[in-house]
Amino acid sequence: MKKDACKGKTNNRDERPGVKFKDADLIGIPYQIIIGKKGLKEGLVEFKSRETKETERIAPSDVMYKVKEACGRT
């Protein structure tokens, strides 16, 4: 994939979160945006990097900026 290209995929399967996270790691998804009930109550979502294993809690309004930044498009 080109450095400046970004593609998205939604995992809306009826599976437990752990199964979905494991599958994302197995197929090499570089970034995950995790939207959960608890985080949304706090007004936040999680942005996780597969490479660094770091998870950031960010406002939903900042998701597109973060994705563009991670894909080298800022």
C-alpha atoms as a PDB file:
ATOM      1  CA  MET A   1       0.000   0.000   0.000  1.00  0.00           C
ATOM      2  CA  LYS A   2       1.230   3.491  -0.771  1.00  0.00           C
ATOM      3  CA  LYS A   3       2.312   5.525   2.215  1.00  0.00           C
ATOM      4  CA  ASP A   4      -0.264   8.194   1.419  1.00  0.00           C
ATOM      5  CA  ALA A   5      -3.140   5.750   0.890  1.00  0.00           C
ATOM      6  CA  CYS A   6      -5.641   4.780   3.552  1.00  0.00           C
ATOM      7  CA  LYS A   7      -8.406   2.220   3.378  1.00  0.00           C
ATOM      8  CA  GLY A   8     -10.981   1.410   5.998  1.00  0.00           C
ATOM      9  CA  LYS A   9     -12.829  -1.709   7.020  1.00  0.00           C
ATOM     10  CA  THR A  10     -15.696  -2.119   9.452  1.00  0.00           C
ATOM     11  CA  ASN A  11     -15.947  -5.274  11.496  1.00  0.00           C
ATOM     12  CA  ASN A  12     -19.593  -5.582  12.453  1.00  0.00           C
ATOM     13  CA  ARG A  13     -19.608  -9.358  12.899  1.00  0.00           C
ATOM     14  CA  ASP A  14     -21.498 -10.790  15.842  1.00  0.00           C
ATOM     15  CA  GLU A  15     -18.323 -11.779  17.711  1.00  0.00           C
ATOM     16  CA  ARG A  16     -16.729 -10.837  21.014  1.00  0.00           C
ATOM     17  CA  PRO A  17     -14.322  -7.868  20.834  1.00  0.00           C
ATOM     18  CA  GLY A  18     -11.296 -10.078  21.624  1.00  0.00           C
ATOM     19  CA  VAL A  19     -11.986 -12.264  18.584  1.00  0.00           C
ATOM     20  CA  LYS A  20     -12.219  -9.189  16.366  1.00  0.00           C
ATOM     21  CA  PHE A  21      -8.980  -7.704  17.761  1.00  0.00           C
ATOM     22  CA  LYS A  22      -7.132 -10.990  17.277  1.00  0.00           C
ATOM     23  CA  ASP A  23      -8.342 -11.251  13.679  1.00  0.00           C
ATOM     24  CA  ALA A  24      -7.282  -7.661  12.969  1.00  0.00           C
ATOM     25  CA  ASP A  25      -3.787  -8.467  14.240  1.00  0.00           C
ATOM     26  CA  LEU A  26      -3.608 -11.692  12.224  1.00  0.00           C
ATOM     27  CA  ILE A  27      -4.431  -9.986   8.928  1.00  0.00           C
ATOM     28  CA  GLY A  28      -2.150  -7.034   9.682  1.00  0.00           C
ATOM     29  CA  ILE A  29      -4.558  -4.145  10.113  1.00  0.00           C
ATOM     30  CA  PRO A  30      -2.152  -1.296  11.016  1.00  0.00           C
ATOM     31  CA  TYR A  31      -4.615   0.899  12.931  1.00  0.00           C
ATOM     32  CA  GLN A  32      -7.832   0.263  14.809  1.00  0.00           C
ATOM     33  CA  ILE A  33     -10.517   2.730  15.761  1.00  0.00           C
ATOM     34  CA  ILE A  34     -12.380   1.194  18.674  1.00  0.00           C
ATOM     35  CA  ILE A  35     -15.818   2.596  19.406  1.00  0.00           C
ATOM     36  CA  GLY A  36     -17.321   1.262  22.607  1.00  0.00           C
ATOM     37  CA  LYS A  37     -20.225   2.123  24.864  1.00  0.00           C
ATOM     38  CA  LYS A  38     -18.002   3.066  27.812  1.00  0.00           C
ATOM     39  CA  GLY A  39     -15.787   5.338  25.734  1.00  0.00           C
ATOM     40  CA  LEU A  40     -18.724   7.015  24.042  1.00  0.00           C
ATOM     41  CA  LYS A  41     -20.245   7.787  27.431  1.00  0.00           C
ATOM     42  CA  GLU A  42     -17.007   9.666  28.124  1.00  0.00           C
ATOM     43  CA  GLY A  43     -17.111  11.255  24.667  1.00  0.00           C
ATOM     44  CA  LEU A  44     -14.045   9.324  23.442  1.00  0.00           C
ATOM     45  CA  VAL A  45     -12.988   6.575  21.042  1.00  0.00           C
ATOM     46  CA  GLU A  46      -9.720   4.639  20.972  1.00  0.00           C
ATOM     47  CA  PHE A  47      -7.113   4.807  18.209  1.00  0.00           C
ATOM     48  CA  LYS A  48      -4.674   1.895  18.369  1.00  0.00           C
ATOM     49  CA  SER A  49      -1.453   1.426  16.397  1.00  0.00           C
ATOM     50  CA  ARG A  50      -0.466  -2.153  15.660  1.00  0.00           C
ATOM     51  CA  GLU A  51       3.187  -1.161  15.207  1.00  0.00           C
ATOM     52  CA  THR A  52       3.673   0.680  18.503  1.00  0.00           C
ATOM     53  CA  LYS A  53       0.916  -1.089  20.494  1.00  0.00           C
ATOM     54  CA  GLU A  54      -0.069   2.350  21.810  1.00  0.00           C
ATOM     55  CA  THR A  55      -3.695   3.283  22.305  1.00  0.00           C
ATOM     56  CA  GLU A  56      -4.845   6.896  22.367  1.00  0.00           C
ATOM     57  CA  ARG A  57      -8.229   8.044  23.569  1.00  0.00           C
ATOM     58  CA  ILE A  58      -9.459  10.806  21.303  1.00  0.00           C
ATOM     59  CA  ALA A  59     -12.634  12.728  20.571  1.00  0.00           C
ATOM     60  CA  PRO A  60     -14.738  11.268  17.743  1.00  0.00           C
ATOM     61  CA  SER A  61     -14.366  14.595  15.923  1.00  0.00           C
ATOM     62  CA  ASP A  62     -10.573  14.040  15.805  1.00  0.00           C
ATOM     63  CA  VAL A  63     -10.706  10.570  14.220  1.00  0.00           C
ATOM     64  CA  MET A  64     -10.314  11.699  10.602  1.00  0.00           C
ATOM     65  CA  TYR A  65      -7.386  13.966  11.487  1.00  0.00           C
ATOM     66  CA  LYS A  66      -5.689  11.108  13.341  1.00  0.00           C
ATOM     67  CA  VAL A  67      -6.231   8.682  10.441  1.00  0.00           C
ATOM     68  CA  LYS A  68      -4.819  11.181   7.937  1.00  0.00           C
ATOM     69  CA  GLU A  69      -1.850  11.836  10.238  1.00  0.00           C
ATOM     70  CA  ALA A  70      -1.156   8.109  10.624  1.00  0.00           C
ATOM     71  CA  CYS A  71      -1.356   7.586   6.865  1.00  0.00           C
ATOM     72  CA  GLY A  72       0.981  10.499   6.144  1.00  0.00           C
ATOM     73  CA  ARG A  73      -1.668  12.777   4.697  1.00  0.00           C
ATOM     74  CA  THR A  74      -1.566  15.810   7.009  1.00  0.00           C
END
